[in-house]
Amino acid sequence: MALARRNPFPRSSRLERFPRAFGAITIALAALAFAPGCVRRTIEITSEPTGAMVWLNDEQLGRTPVQTDFKFYGTYDVRLSLEGYEPLTTSAEAVAPFYEYPGPDLLVAPLPLHNRIAWHFDLKPTQESTDKAGAERAIVERARALRMTIPAAAAKPGEAPAPDASPAPTSPAAEPVITPGAPATTGAAPK
């Protein structure tokens, strides 16, 4: 009679394998749940030209390019200023990606993700920095307008206005006529 050989690796039924697989999956999920992962949120602000001072919600961050971490999505007040350029005050939106909404956020919480929001701003040069002659004319015109209003405003009630220290007005023919883009001429008719 022949002896039957015994199989060293017996087949197990599916019911016997289920508890082992379930235990392995449970341990893997628990390890993921307690893994040190989180979403890092960063706002990066750049400008053209670089070097502008940046304020985010009235907190000074530094000069562009600059980046900072943030906790909440939503609308932020942004202010940029640079000498020779118009100051820029605006708002910018930090929009949450789909995996930050309730539900999916539980699935990706253990993963080390980095959400980077980039904002770029173009600054416009001031008129003084681009058109020196035009800026000079504007300053002279503002000074003339102020000269006319200051003596009347400086007089106290019951007192006579102070004599004007400015030179006596000249005739319109002697006043220079300033035309943008043209050389300065006098208003006198050519002879």
N, C-alpha and C. Protein backbone atom coordinates (compact mmCIF):
# COMPACT_ATOMS: atom_id res chain seq x y z
N MET A 1 0.83 -1.14 0.00
CA MET A 1 0.00 0.00 0.00
C MET A 1 0.89 1.22 0.00
N ALA A 2 0.53 2.11 -0.84
CA ALA A 2 1.33 3.31 -0.98
C ALA A 2 0.86 4.34 0.04
N LEU A 3 1.83 4.93 0.61
CA LEU A 3 1.49 5.98 1.59
C LEU A 3 1.21 7.28 0.86
N ALA A 4 0.18 7.93 1.27
CA ALA A 4 -0.16 9.23 0.66
C ALA A 4 0.74 10.30 1.25
N ARG A 5 1.25 11.08 0.38
CA ARG A 5 2.11 12.16 0.85
C ARG A 5 1.25 13.30 1.37
N ARG A 6 1.70 13.83 2.39
CA ARG A 6 0.98 14.94 3.00
C ARG A 6 1.51 16.25 2.43
N ASN A 7 0.63 17.15 2.04
CA ASN A 7 1.00 18.44 1.48
C ASN A 7 1.47 19.36 2.61
N PRO A 8 2.71 19.89 2.53
CA PRO A 8 3.18 20.77 3.60
C PRO A 8 2.47 22.13 3.60
N PHE A 9 1.86 22.51 2.50
CA PHE A 9 1.12 23.77 2.41
C PHE A 9 -0.34 23.47 2.15
N PRO A 10 -1.07 23.22 3.20
CA PRO A 10 -2.47 22.85 2.98
C PRO A 10 -3.27 24.05 2.49
N ARG A 11 -4.26 23.76 1.68
CA ARG A 11 -5.16 24.80 1.21
C ARG A 11 -6.07 25.22 2.34
N SER A 12 -6.23 26.52 2.45
CA SER A 12 -7.16 26.99 3.48
C SER A 12 -8.40 27.51 2.77
N SER A 13 -9.47 27.44 3.44
CA SER A 13 -10.72 27.91 2.84
C SER A 13 -10.74 29.44 2.86
N ARG A 14 -11.63 30.00 2.09
CA ARG A 14 -11.74 31.45 2.02
C ARG A 14 -12.13 32.05 3.36
N LEU A 15 -12.92 31.38 4.10
CA LEU A 15 -13.32 31.89 5.41
C LEU A 15 -12.14 31.95 6.35
N GLU A 16 -11.21 31.04 6.20
CA GLU A 16 -10.03 31.07 7.07
C GLU A 16 -9.10 32.21 6.68
N ARG A 17 -9.02 32.57 5.40
CA ARG A 17 -8.13 33.64 4.96
C ARG A 17 -8.72 35.03 5.24
N PHE A 18 -10.02 35.17 5.35
CA PHE A 18 -10.66 36.46 5.55
C PHE A 18 -10.17 37.18 6.81
N PRO A 19 -10.11 36.57 7.97
CA PRO A 19 -9.65 37.30 9.15
C PRO A 19 -8.22 37.83 9.00
N ARG A 20 -7.34 37.10 8.31
CA ARG A 20 -5.97 37.58 8.13
C ARG A 20 -5.95 38.82 7.22
N ALA A 21 -6.68 38.78 6.13
CA ALA A 21 -6.71 39.91 5.21
C ALA A 21 -7.37 41.13 5.87
N PHE A 22 -8.44 40.89 6.59
CA PHE A 22 -9.13 41.99 7.28
C PHE A 22 -8.21 42.63 8.32
N GLY A 23 -7.48 41.84 9.02
CA GLY A 23 -6.55 42.36 10.03
C GLY A 23 -5.44 43.18 9.39
N ALA A 24 -4.92 42.73 8.26
CA ALA A 24 -3.84 43.46 7.58
C ALA A 24 -4.35 44.80 7.05
N ILE A 25 -5.55 44.80 6.49
CA ILE A 25 -6.12 46.05 5.98
C ILE A 25 -6.39 47.01 7.13
N THR A 26 -6.89 46.52 8.23
CA THR A 26 -7.17 47.36 9.39
C THR A 26 -5.90 48.00 9.93
N ILE A 27 -4.84 47.23 10.00
CA ILE A 27 -3.56 47.76 10.50
C ILE A 27 -3.01 48.81 9.53
N ALA A 28 -3.12 48.60 8.22
CA ALA A 28 -2.63 49.56 7.24
C ALA A 28 -3.41 50.87 7.32
N LEU A 29 -4.73 50.81 7.45
CA LEU A 29 -5.53 52.02 7.57
C LEU A 29 -5.24 52.77 8.86
N ALA A 30 -5.05 52.04 9.94
CA ALA A 30 -4.72 52.70 11.20
C ALA A 30 -3.36 53.40 11.11
N ALA A 31 -2.41 52.78 10.44
CA ALA A 31 -1.10 53.40 10.27
C ALA A 31 -1.20 54.68 9.44
N LEU A 32 -2.02 54.64 8.39
CA LEU A 32 -2.21 55.85 7.58
C LEU A 32 -2.92 56.95 8.36
N ALA A 33 -3.88 56.59 9.19
CA ALA A 33 -4.64 57.57 9.94
C ALA A 33 -3.76 58.31 10.94
N PHE A 34 -2.77 57.64 11.48
CA PHE A 34 -1.91 58.28 12.47
C PHE A 34 -0.55 58.68 11.91
N ALA A 35 -0.40 58.61 10.61
CA ALA A 35 0.85 59.03 9.98
C ALA A 35 0.98 60.55 10.07
N PRO A 36 2.19 61.05 10.17
CA PRO A 36 2.37 62.50 10.32
C PRO A 36 2.25 63.23 8.99
N GLY A 37 1.06 63.38 8.49
CA GLY A 37 0.84 64.08 7.22
C GLY A 37 -0.16 65.19 7.41
N CYS A 38 0.00 66.24 6.61
CA CYS A 38 -0.97 67.34 6.62
C CYS A 38 -0.78 68.13 5.34
N VAL A 39 -1.70 69.02 5.08
CA VAL A 39 -1.62 69.85 3.89
C VAL A 39 -0.93 71.15 4.28
N ARG A 40 0.13 71.47 3.59
CA ARG A 40 0.83 72.73 3.81
C ARG A 40 0.27 73.73 2.81
N ARG A 41 -0.12 74.90 3.29
CA ARG A 41 -0.72 75.93 2.44
C ARG A 41 0.20 77.14 2.38
N THR A 42 0.55 77.55 1.17
CA THR A 42 1.48 78.66 0.97
C THR A 42 0.94 79.62 -0.08
N ILE A 43 1.03 80.92 0.20
CA ILE A 43 0.73 81.96 -0.78
C ILE A 43 2.06 82.56 -1.21
N GLU A 44 2.26 82.62 -2.53
CA GLU A 44 3.47 83.24 -3.08
C GLU A 44 3.05 84.47 -3.87
N ILE A 45 3.64 85.62 -3.54
CA ILE A 45 3.29 86.89 -4.19
C ILE A 45 4.51 87.41 -4.93
N THR A 46 4.31 87.68 -6.23
CA THR A 46 5.37 88.26 -7.06
C THR A 46 4.84 89.53 -7.70
N SER A 47 5.76 90.36 -8.18
CA SER A 47 5.35 91.60 -8.83
C SER A 47 6.33 91.93 -9.94
N GLU A 48 5.87 92.76 -10.85
CA GLU A 48 6.73 93.29 -11.90
C GLU A 48 6.71 94.79 -11.76
N PRO A 49 7.73 95.46 -11.37
CA PRO A 49 9.07 94.98 -11.05
C PRO A 49 9.14 94.36 -9.66
N THR A 50 10.19 93.60 -9.42
CA THR A 50 10.36 92.97 -8.12
C THR A 50 10.81 94.01 -7.10
N GLY A 51 10.73 93.66 -5.84
CA GLY A 51 11.19 94.54 -4.77
C GLY A 51 10.10 95.39 -4.15
N ALA A 52 8.84 95.16 -4.50
CA ALA A 52 7.74 95.94 -3.92
C ALA A 52 7.45 95.43 -2.51
N MET A 53 7.15 96.36 -1.59
CA MET A 53 6.78 95.98 -0.23
C MET A 53 5.34 95.45 -0.26
N VAL A 54 5.11 94.32 0.44
CA VAL A 54 3.81 93.64 0.40
C VAL A 54 3.19 93.62 1.79
N TRP A 55 1.89 93.96 1.84
CA TRP A 55 1.09 93.80 3.04
C TRP A 55 -0.06 92.87 2.69
N LEU A 56 -0.28 91.86 3.52
CA LEU A 56 -1.38 90.92 3.34
C LEU A 56 -2.28 91.03 4.56
N ASN A 57 -3.51 91.50 4.34
CA ASN A 57 -4.45 91.79 5.43
C ASN A 57 -3.80 92.69 6.48
N ASP A 58 -3.16 93.76 6.02
CA ASP A 58 -2.50 94.78 6.85
C ASP A 58 -1.36 94.23 7.70
N GLU A 59 -0.78 93.12 7.30
CA GLU A 59 0.40 92.57 7.95
C GLU A 59 1.55 92.61 6.95
N GLN A 60 2.61 93.31 7.30
CA GLN A 60 3.73 93.46 6.38
C GLN A 60 4.49 92.14 6.26
N LEU A 61 4.65 91.68 4.99
CA LEU A 61 5.32 90.41 4.74
C LEU A 61 6.77 90.58 4.32
N GLY A 62 7.07 91.62 3.57
CA GLY A 62 8.41 91.81 3.04
C GLY A 62 8.33 92.28 1.59
N ARG A 63 9.44 92.12 0.89
CA ARG A 63 9.52 92.56 -0.51
C ARG A 63 9.35 91.38 -1.46
N THR A 64 8.77 91.66 -2.63
CA THR A 64 8.53 90.60 -3.62
C THR A 64 9.84 90.14 -4.22
N PRO A 65 9.95 88.88 -4.56
CA PRO A 65 9.00 87.79 -4.36
C PRO A 65 9.00 87.35 -2.89
N VAL A 66 7.81 87.09 -2.37
CA VAL A 66 7.65 86.71 -0.96
C VAL A 66 6.63 85.59 -0.88
N GLN A 67 6.80 84.72 0.12
CA GLN A 67 5.79 83.68 0.34
C GLN A 67 5.54 83.56 1.83
N THR A 68 4.32 83.13 2.16
CA THR A 68 3.92 82.98 3.54
C THR A 68 2.94 81.81 3.65
N ASP A 69 2.91 81.18 4.81
CA ASP A 69 1.94 80.12 5.05
C ASP A 69 0.61 80.75 5.45
N PHE A 70 -0.48 80.07 5.16
CA PHE A 70 -1.80 80.56 5.55
C PHE A 70 -2.64 79.40 6.02
N LYS A 71 -3.70 79.70 6.79
CA LYS A 71 -4.56 78.67 7.35
C LYS A 71 -5.92 78.59 6.68
N PHE A 72 -6.43 79.74 6.22
CA PHE A 72 -7.81 79.78 5.75
C PHE A 72 -7.88 80.21 4.29
N TYR A 73 -8.80 79.61 3.55
CA TYR A 73 -9.07 80.01 2.18
C TYR A 73 -10.07 81.14 2.20
N GLY A 74 -10.07 81.96 1.17
CA GLY A 74 -11.00 83.07 1.10
C GLY A 74 -10.36 84.27 0.44
N THR A 75 -10.90 85.45 0.72
CA THR A 75 -10.44 86.69 0.12
C THR A 75 -9.44 87.38 1.05
N TYR A 76 -8.34 87.81 0.48
CA TYR A 76 -7.29 88.50 1.23
C TYR A 76 -7.11 89.90 0.65
N ASP A 77 -6.86 90.88 1.52
CA ASP A 77 -6.53 92.23 1.08
C ASP A 77 -5.03 92.28 0.83
N VAL A 78 -4.64 92.76 -0.36
CA VAL A 78 -3.23 92.81 -0.74
C VAL A 78 -2.89 94.26 -1.08
N ARG A 79 -1.75 94.72 -0.54
CA ARG A 79 -1.27 96.07 -0.82
C ARG A 79 0.20 95.98 -1.20
N LEU A 80 0.59 96.63 -2.30
CA LEU A 80 1.97 96.67 -2.75
C LEU A 80 2.38 98.11 -2.97
N SER A 81 3.61 98.44 -2.60
CA SER A 81 4.11 99.78 -2.87
C SER A 81 5.60 99.70 -3.19
N LEU A 82 6.00 100.55 -4.14
CA LEU A 82 7.39 100.64 -4.57
C LEU A 82 7.62 102.06 -5.04
N GLU A 83 8.74 102.64 -4.64
CA GLU A 83 9.04 104.02 -5.01
C GLU A 83 9.12 104.14 -6.53
N GLY A 84 8.46 105.16 -7.07
CA GLY A 84 8.44 105.38 -8.51
C GLY A 84 7.27 104.69 -9.19
N TYR A 85 6.44 103.97 -8.42
CA TYR A 85 5.29 103.25 -8.98
C TYR A 85 4.05 103.57 -8.16
N GLU A 86 2.91 103.51 -8.83
CA GLU A 86 1.64 103.74 -8.16
C GLU A 86 1.41 102.65 -7.12
N PRO A 87 0.99 103.00 -5.89
CA PRO A 87 0.67 101.95 -4.92
C PRO A 87 -0.55 101.15 -5.39
N LEU A 88 -0.55 99.88 -5.11
CA LEU A 88 -1.62 99.00 -5.56
C LEU A 88 -2.32 98.41 -4.34
N THR A 89 -3.62 98.62 -4.25
CA THR A 89 -4.43 98.04 -3.19
C THR A 89 -5.55 97.26 -3.86
N THR A 90 -5.60 95.97 -3.59
CA THR A 90 -6.59 95.11 -4.23
C THR A 90 -6.91 93.95 -3.30
N SER A 91 -7.75 93.06 -3.78
CA SER A 91 -8.03 91.83 -3.03
C SER A 91 -7.78 90.65 -3.97
N ALA A 92 -7.40 89.54 -3.37
CA ALA A 92 -7.13 88.32 -4.13
C ALA A 92 -7.78 87.14 -3.43
N GLU A 93 -8.17 86.17 -4.22
CA GLU A 93 -8.92 85.02 -3.71
C GLU A 93 -8.02 83.80 -3.62
N ALA A 94 -8.04 83.15 -2.46
CA ALA A 94 -7.36 81.87 -2.28
C ALA A 94 -8.45 80.80 -2.32
N VAL A 95 -8.48 80.05 -3.41
CA VAL A 95 -9.54 79.07 -3.65
C VAL A 95 -9.06 77.69 -3.19
N ALA A 96 -9.91 76.99 -2.45
CA ALA A 96 -9.57 75.67 -1.94
C ALA A 96 -9.65 74.63 -3.05
N PRO A 97 -8.67 73.73 -3.14
CA PRO A 97 -8.75 72.64 -4.11
C PRO A 97 -9.78 71.60 -3.66
N PHE A 98 -10.14 70.70 -4.54
CA PHE A 98 -11.21 69.73 -4.24
C PHE A 98 -10.89 68.88 -3.02
N TYR A 99 -9.63 68.55 -2.79
CA TYR A 99 -9.29 67.67 -1.67
C TYR A 99 -9.30 68.40 -0.32
N GLU A 100 -9.64 69.68 -0.30
CA GLU A 100 -9.78 70.41 0.95
C GLU A 100 -11.24 70.52 1.40
N TYR A 101 -12.18 70.05 0.57
CA TYR A 101 -13.59 70.09 0.94
C TYR A 101 -13.89 68.96 1.92
N PRO A 102 -14.94 69.12 2.74
CA PRO A 102 -15.30 68.05 3.68
C PRO A 102 -15.61 66.75 2.94
N GLY A 103 -15.07 65.69 3.43
CA GLY A 103 -15.22 64.38 2.79
C GLY A 103 -13.89 63.95 2.22
N PRO A 104 -13.49 64.51 1.07
CA PRO A 104 -12.17 64.14 0.53
C PRO A 104 -11.02 64.53 1.46
N ASP A 105 -11.23 65.56 2.30
CA ASP A 105 -10.14 65.97 3.19
C ASP A 105 -9.78 64.88 4.19
N LEU A 106 -10.74 64.03 4.54
CA LEU A 106 -10.44 62.93 5.45
C LEU A 106 -9.57 61.87 4.79
N LEU A 107 -9.73 61.70 3.49
CA LEU A 107 -8.95 60.69 2.78
C LEU A 107 -7.51 61.14 2.55
N VAL A 108 -7.30 62.44 2.33
CA VAL A 108 -5.95 62.92 2.03
C VAL A 108 -5.25 63.49 3.24
N ALA A 109 -5.93 63.54 4.39
CA ALA A 109 -5.33 64.11 5.59
C ALA A 109 -3.99 63.46 5.96
N PRO A 110 -3.84 62.16 5.83
CA PRO A 110 -2.55 61.57 6.21
C PRO A 110 -1.44 61.81 5.19
N LEU A 111 -1.78 62.31 4.01
CA LEU A 111 -0.77 62.49 2.97
C LEU A 111 -0.09 63.85 3.11
N PRO A 112 1.20 63.92 2.93
CA PRO A 112 1.90 65.21 3.01
C PRO A 112 1.75 65.99 1.71
N LEU A 113 0.72 66.83 1.61
CA LEU A 113 0.46 67.62 0.41
C LEU A 113 0.89 69.06 0.61
N HIS A 114 1.18 69.76 -0.48
CA HIS A 114 1.55 71.17 -0.44
C HIS A 114 0.68 71.92 -1.45
N ASN A 115 -0.18 72.79 -0.95
CA ASN A 115 -1.04 73.60 -1.80
C ASN A 115 -0.43 74.98 -1.89
N ARG A 116 0.04 75.36 -3.09
CA ARG A 116 0.70 76.65 -3.31
C ARG A 116 -0.18 77.51 -4.18
N ILE A 117 -0.49 78.71 -3.67
CA ILE A 117 -1.30 79.68 -4.41
C ILE A 117 -0.36 80.80 -4.82
N ALA A 118 -0.34 81.14 -6.12
CA ALA A 118 0.57 82.16 -6.64
C ALA A 118 -0.24 83.34 -7.17
N TRP A 119 0.13 84.52 -6.71
CA TRP A 119 -0.48 85.76 -7.19
C TRP A 119 0.63 86.62 -7.78
N HIS A 120 0.35 87.23 -8.95
CA HIS A 120 1.31 88.12 -9.59
C HIS A 120 0.63 89.46 -9.85
N PHE A 121 1.32 90.54 -9.55
CA PHE A 121 0.78 91.88 -9.73
C PHE A 121 1.75 92.71 -10.56
N ASP A 122 1.21 93.50 -11.50
CA ASP A 122 2.02 94.41 -12.31
C ASP A 122 1.79 95.82 -11.78
N LEU A 123 2.87 96.50 -11.41
CA LEU A 123 2.79 97.86 -10.90
C LEU A 123 2.97 98.85 -12.05
N LYS A 124 2.23 99.95 -11.99
CA LYS A 124 2.30 100.98 -13.03
C LYS A 124 3.21 102.10 -12.55
N PRO A 125 4.10 102.59 -13.42
CA PRO A 125 4.96 103.71 -13.02
C PRO A 125 4.13 104.96 -12.77
N THR A 126 4.59 105.79 -11.85
CA THR A 126 3.89 107.05 -11.59
C THR A 126 4.16 108.00 -12.74
N GLN A 127 3.32 109.01 -12.88
CA GLN A 127 3.48 109.98 -13.96
C GLN A 127 4.79 110.73 -13.79
N GLU A 128 5.17 110.99 -12.52
CA GLU A 128 6.39 111.73 -12.26
C GLU A 128 7.62 110.96 -12.75
N SER A 129 7.58 109.62 -12.68
CA SER A 129 8.75 108.85 -13.08
C SER A 129 8.85 108.67 -14.59
N THR A 130 7.75 108.84 -15.32
CA THR A 130 7.79 108.64 -16.76
C THR A 130 7.83 109.95 -17.54
N ASP A 131 7.16 110.99 -17.05
CA ASP A 131 7.07 112.25 -17.77
C ASP A 131 7.52 113.37 -16.84
N LYS A 132 8.83 113.62 -16.81
CA LYS A 132 9.39 114.63 -15.89
C LYS A 132 8.86 116.03 -16.21
N ALA A 133 8.79 116.39 -17.48
CA ALA A 133 8.32 117.73 -17.86
C ALA A 133 6.85 117.89 -17.51
N GLY A 134 6.06 116.87 -17.77
CA GLY A 134 4.63 116.93 -17.45
C GLY A 134 4.41 117.00 -15.95
N ALA A 135 5.21 116.30 -15.19
CA ALA A 135 5.09 116.33 -13.74
C ALA A 135 5.46 117.70 -13.21
N GLU A 136 6.48 118.31 -13.81
CA GLU A 136 6.89 119.65 -13.38
C GLU A 136 5.79 120.66 -13.66
N ARG A 137 5.17 120.57 -14.83
CA ARG A 137 4.07 121.48 -15.16
C ARG A 137 2.91 121.29 -14.20
N ALA A 138 2.61 120.04 -13.85
CA ALA A 138 1.50 119.77 -12.93
C ALA A 138 1.79 120.35 -11.55
N ILE A 139 3.03 120.28 -11.11
CA ILE A 139 3.38 120.84 -9.80
C ILE A 139 3.24 122.36 -9.83
N VAL A 140 3.68 122.99 -10.92
CA VAL A 140 3.56 124.45 -11.03
C VAL A 140 2.09 124.86 -11.04
N GLU A 141 1.26 124.14 -11.76
CA GLU A 141 -0.17 124.46 -11.80
C GLU A 141 -0.81 124.29 -10.44
N ARG A 142 -0.45 123.23 -9.72
CA ARG A 142 -1.01 123.04 -8.37
C ARG A 142 -0.54 124.15 -7.44
N ALA A 143 0.72 124.58 -7.58
CA ALA A 143 1.23 125.65 -6.73
C ALA A 143 0.48 126.95 -7.00
N ARG A 144 0.21 127.25 -8.27
CA ARG A 144 -0.55 128.47 -8.60
C ARG A 144 -1.96 128.41 -8.00
N ALA A 145 -2.59 127.26 -8.11
CA ALA A 145 -3.95 127.12 -7.55
C ALA A 145 -3.93 127.27 -6.04
N LEU A 146 -2.93 126.72 -5.39
CA LEU A 146 -2.83 126.84 -3.94
C LEU A 146 -2.52 128.26 -3.50
N ARG A 147 -1.70 128.97 -4.29
CA ARG A 147 -1.33 130.34 -3.96
C ARG A 147 -2.57 131.22 -3.91
N MET A 148 -3.55 130.95 -4.75
CA MET A 148 -4.76 131.76 -4.77
C MET A 148 -5.66 131.45 -3.57
N THR A 149 -5.63 130.25 -3.06
CA THR A 149 -6.53 129.87 -1.97
C THR A 149 -5.93 130.08 -0.59
N ILE A 150 -4.64 130.10 -0.45
CA ILE A 150 -4.02 130.19 0.88
C ILE A 150 -4.24 131.54 1.54
N PRO A 151 -4.03 132.70 0.89
CA PRO A 151 -4.24 133.97 1.60
C PRO A 151 -5.67 134.12 2.13
N ALA A 152 -6.65 133.69 1.38
CA ALA A 152 -8.04 133.82 1.83
C ALA A 152 -8.30 132.88 3.00
N ALA A 153 -7.74 131.71 3.00
CA ALA A 153 -7.97 130.75 4.07
C ALA A 153 -7.16 131.10 5.31
N ALA A 154 -6.01 131.78 5.16
CA ALA A 154 -5.15 132.10 6.30
C ALA A 154 -5.67 133.29 7.09
N ALA A 155 -6.51 134.12 6.53
CA ALA A 155 -7.02 135.31 7.23
C ALA A 155 -7.99 134.88 8.32
N LYS A 156 -7.77 135.42 9.53
CA LYS A 156 -8.66 135.12 10.65
C LYS A 156 -9.86 136.04 10.59
N PRO A 157 -10.97 135.64 11.18
CA PRO A 157 -12.14 136.52 11.16
C PRO A 157 -11.84 137.85 11.86
N GLY A 158 -12.19 138.94 11.23
CA GLY A 158 -11.99 140.26 11.81
C GLY A 158 -10.65 140.86 11.43
N GLU A 159 -9.78 140.14 10.77
CA GLU A 159 -8.49 140.67 10.37
C GLU A 159 -8.47 140.85 8.86
N ALA A 160 -7.63 141.76 8.46
CA ALA A 160 -7.46 141.96 7.03
C ALA A 160 -6.54 140.88 6.50
N PRO A 161 -6.75 140.40 5.29
CA PRO A 161 -5.87 139.38 4.76
C PRO A 161 -4.45 139.91 4.63
N ALA A 162 -3.47 139.02 4.83
CA ALA A 162 -2.06 139.39 4.72
C ALA A 162 -1.76 139.75 3.28
N PRO A 163 -0.86 140.72 3.10
CA PRO A 163 -0.52 141.06 1.72
C PRO A 163 0.12 139.88 1.02
N ASP A 164 -0.19 139.77 -0.25
CA ASP A 164 0.33 138.65 -1.05
C ASP A 164 1.79 138.89 -1.36
N ALA A 165 2.64 137.92 -1.01
CA ALA A 165 4.07 138.05 -1.25
C ALA A 165 4.43 137.64 -2.67
N SER A 166 3.46 137.16 -3.40
CA SER A 166 3.76 136.72 -4.76
C SER A 166 3.87 137.93 -5.67
N PRO A 167 4.60 137.79 -6.77
CA PRO A 167 4.73 138.91 -7.69
C PRO A 167 3.37 139.27 -8.29
N ALA A 168 3.26 140.52 -8.71
CA ALA A 168 2.01 141.00 -9.29
C ALA A 168 1.70 140.22 -10.55
N PRO A 169 0.42 139.92 -10.75
CA PRO A 169 0.08 139.17 -11.96
C PRO A 169 0.44 139.95 -13.21
N THR A 170 0.86 139.23 -14.18
CA THR A 170 1.24 139.86 -15.45
C THR A 170 0.09 139.76 -16.42
N SER A 171 0.22 140.43 -17.50
CA SER A 171 -0.84 140.41 -18.49
C SER A 171 -0.89 139.03 -19.15
N PRO A 172 -2.04 138.63 -19.65
CA PRO A 172 -2.15 137.31 -20.29
C PRO A 172 -1.20 137.16 -21.45
N ALA A 173 -0.80 138.27 -22.09
CA ALA A 173 0.09 138.16 -23.24
C ALA A 173 1.48 137.71 -22.82
N ALA A 174 1.88 138.00 -21.56
CA ALA A 174 3.22 137.63 -21.10
C ALA A 174 3.23 136.25 -20.44
N GLU A 175 2.07 135.69 -20.11
CA GLU A 175 2.00 134.37 -19.48
C GLU A 175 2.41 133.29 -20.47
N PRO A 176 3.23 132.36 -20.07
CA PRO A 176 3.59 131.28 -21.00
C PRO A 176 2.40 130.36 -21.24
N VAL A 177 2.27 129.90 -22.43
CA VAL A 177 1.22 128.97 -22.79
C VAL A 177 1.85 127.58 -22.81
N ILE A 178 1.34 126.70 -21.97
CA ILE A 178 1.92 125.36 -21.86
C ILE A 178 1.02 124.40 -22.60
N THR A 179 1.56 123.81 -23.63
CA THR A 179 0.83 122.82 -24.42
C THR A 179 1.58 121.50 -24.31
N PRO A 180 0.92 120.43 -23.84
CA PRO A 180 1.62 119.16 -23.73
C PRO A 180 2.18 118.72 -25.08
N GLY A 181 3.46 118.36 -25.09
CA GLY A 181 4.09 117.86 -26.30
C GLY A 181 4.65 118.95 -27.18
N ALA A 182 4.44 120.23 -26.82
CA ALA A 182 4.96 121.34 -27.64
C ALA A 182 5.88 122.18 -26.79
N PRO A 183 6.86 122.86 -27.40
CA PRO A 183 7.73 123.75 -26.62
C PRO A 183 6.92 124.90 -26.05
N ALA A 184 7.36 125.43 -24.90
CA ALA A 184 6.65 126.53 -24.25
C ALA A 184 6.79 127.79 -25.11
N THR A 185 5.66 128.51 -25.28
CA THR A 185 5.65 129.75 -26.03
C THR A 185 4.89 130.80 -25.25
N THR A 186 4.98 132.01 -25.61
CA THR A 186 4.19 133.05 -24.96
C THR A 186 2.90 133.24 -25.73
N GLY A 187 1.92 133.82 -25.07
CA GLY A 187 0.64 134.01 -25.71
C GLY A 187 0.62 135.22 -26.63
N ALA A 188 1.72 135.95 -26.74
CA ALA A 188 1.75 137.13 -27.61
C ALA A 188 1.69 136.69 -29.06
N ALA A 189 1.04 137.49 -29.84
CA ALA A 189 0.92 137.18 -31.27
C ALA A 189 2.27 137.41 -31.94
N PRO A 190 2.63 136.57 -32.88
CA PRO A 190 3.89 136.77 -33.57
C PRO A 190 3.87 138.05 -34.40
N LYS A 191 5.01 138.70 -34.53
CA LYS A 191 5.11 139.96 -35.27
C LYS A 191 5.51 139.75 -36.69
